Amino acid sequence: MVRRIVTIELESGLEARPVAMLVQVASQYDSSIYVECDSRKVNAKSIMGMMTLGLTAGEQVVVTASGADEEKAVDGIAKYLTEG
């Protein structure tokens, strides 16, 4: 399992369109990927789950991945959240 703390640097935070893009990025990987904020943990491949987090720019989240490509998965999600 790979775990990384990431600060969201997307200007608009994670609204509908950025969430959809994040889910597309996450779906490219075979690993199970989760995003945690406060006490909530959701599947990064779930649009509805990610929308419930209501994340804004500047917030920190913990991204975890477990599976064959877990390192690449965490790298890909972190890159999207920091660079868009």
Protein backbone atom coordinates (compact mmCIF):
# COMPACT_ATOMS: atom_id res chain seq x y z
CA MET A 1 0.00 0.00 0.00
CA VAL A 2 1.25 3.47 -0.93
CA ARG A 3 0.06 6.53 0.98
CA ARG A 4 0.72 10.20 0.25
CA ILE A 5 -0.52 13.53 1.59
CA VAL A 6 -1.45 15.88 -1.26
CA THR A 7 -2.53 19.53 -1.18
CA ILE A 8 -5.22 20.34 -3.74
CA GLU A 9 -3.96 23.10 -6.00
CA LEU A 10 -6.80 23.16 -8.52
CA GLU A 11 -8.19 26.72 -8.58
CA SER A 12 -11.83 25.70 -8.39
CA GLY A 13 -11.24 22.80 -6.02
CA LEU A 14 -13.04 19.58 -6.84
CA GLU A 15 -16.31 20.63 -8.41
CA ALA A 16 -18.23 18.48 -10.91
CA ARG A 17 -15.89 18.70 -13.91
CA PRO A 18 -12.60 18.31 -11.97
CA VAL A 19 -14.11 15.36 -10.07
CA ALA A 20 -15.08 13.70 -13.37
CA MET A 21 -11.53 14.18 -14.64
CA LEU A 22 -10.08 12.80 -11.40
CA VAL A 23 -12.27 9.69 -11.71
CA GLN A 24 -11.04 9.24 -15.29
CA VAL A 25 -7.43 9.44 -14.12
CA ALA A 26 -8.09 6.97 -11.28
CA SER A 27 -9.89 4.55 -13.60
CA GLN A 28 -6.74 4.17 -15.71
CA TYR A 29 -5.14 2.16 -12.89
CA ASP A 30 -5.86 -1.38 -11.73
CA SER A 31 -5.13 -0.55 -8.08
CA SER A 32 -7.77 0.33 -5.51
CA ILE A 33 -7.45 4.07 -4.89
CA TYR A 34 -8.95 6.02 -2.01
CA VAL A 35 -9.01 9.69 -1.07
CA GLU A 36 -9.34 10.62 2.60
CA CYS A 37 -10.24 13.98 4.10
CA ASP A 38 -10.96 14.40 7.81
CA SER A 39 -12.68 11.15 8.80
CA ARG A 40 -14.17 10.44 5.36
CA LYS A 41 -12.61 7.94 2.95
CA VAL A 42 -14.02 7.44 -0.55
CA ASN A 43 -13.18 5.43 -3.63
CA ALA A 44 -11.38 7.72 -6.12
CA LYS A 45 -13.11 5.86 -8.97
CA SER A 46 -16.57 6.91 -7.74
CA ILE A 47 -17.92 10.24 -9.00
CA MET A 48 -20.65 10.36 -6.36
CA GLY A 49 -18.23 9.44 -3.59
CA MET A 50 -15.74 12.11 -4.61
CA MET A 51 -18.50 14.74 -4.87
CA THR A 52 -19.50 14.09 -1.25
CA LEU A 53 -16.07 15.26 -0.06
CA GLY A 54 -16.63 18.80 -1.37
CA LEU A 55 -12.91 19.52 -1.53
CA THR A 56 -11.61 23.03 -2.11
CA ALA A 57 -8.27 24.47 -3.19
CA GLY A 58 -5.68 24.40 -0.42
CA GLU A 59 -7.15 21.40 1.41
CA GLN A 60 -4.94 18.44 2.19
CA VAL A 61 -6.04 14.90 1.44
CA VAL A 62 -4.47 11.50 1.89
CA VAL A 63 -4.32 9.41 -1.28
CA THR A 64 -3.84 5.67 -0.80
CA ALA A 65 -3.52 2.95 -3.40
CA SER A 66 -3.15 -0.79 -3.16
CA GLY A 67 -2.44 -3.08 -6.08
CA ALA A 68 -0.08 -3.90 -8.92
CA ASP A 69 0.38 -0.29 -10.06
CA GLU A 70 -0.11 1.47 -6.71
CA GLU A 71 2.95 3.72 -7.00
CA LYS A 72 1.95 4.95 -10.47
CA ALA A 73 -1.64 5.39 -9.30
CA VAL A 74 -0.69 7.64 -6.38
CA ASP A 75 1.72 9.58 -8.61
CA GLY A 76 -1.01 10.09 -11.24
CA ILE A 77 -3.62 11.26 -8.73
CA ALA A 78 -1.14 13.56 -6.96
CA LYS A 79 -0.07 15.06 -10.28
CA TYR A 80 -3.68 15.76 -11.26
CA LEU A 81 -4.54 17.35 -7.90
CA THR A 82 -1.48 19.60 -7.97
CA GLU A 83 -1.19 20.43 -11.68
CA GLY A 84 -4.64 19.85 -13.15
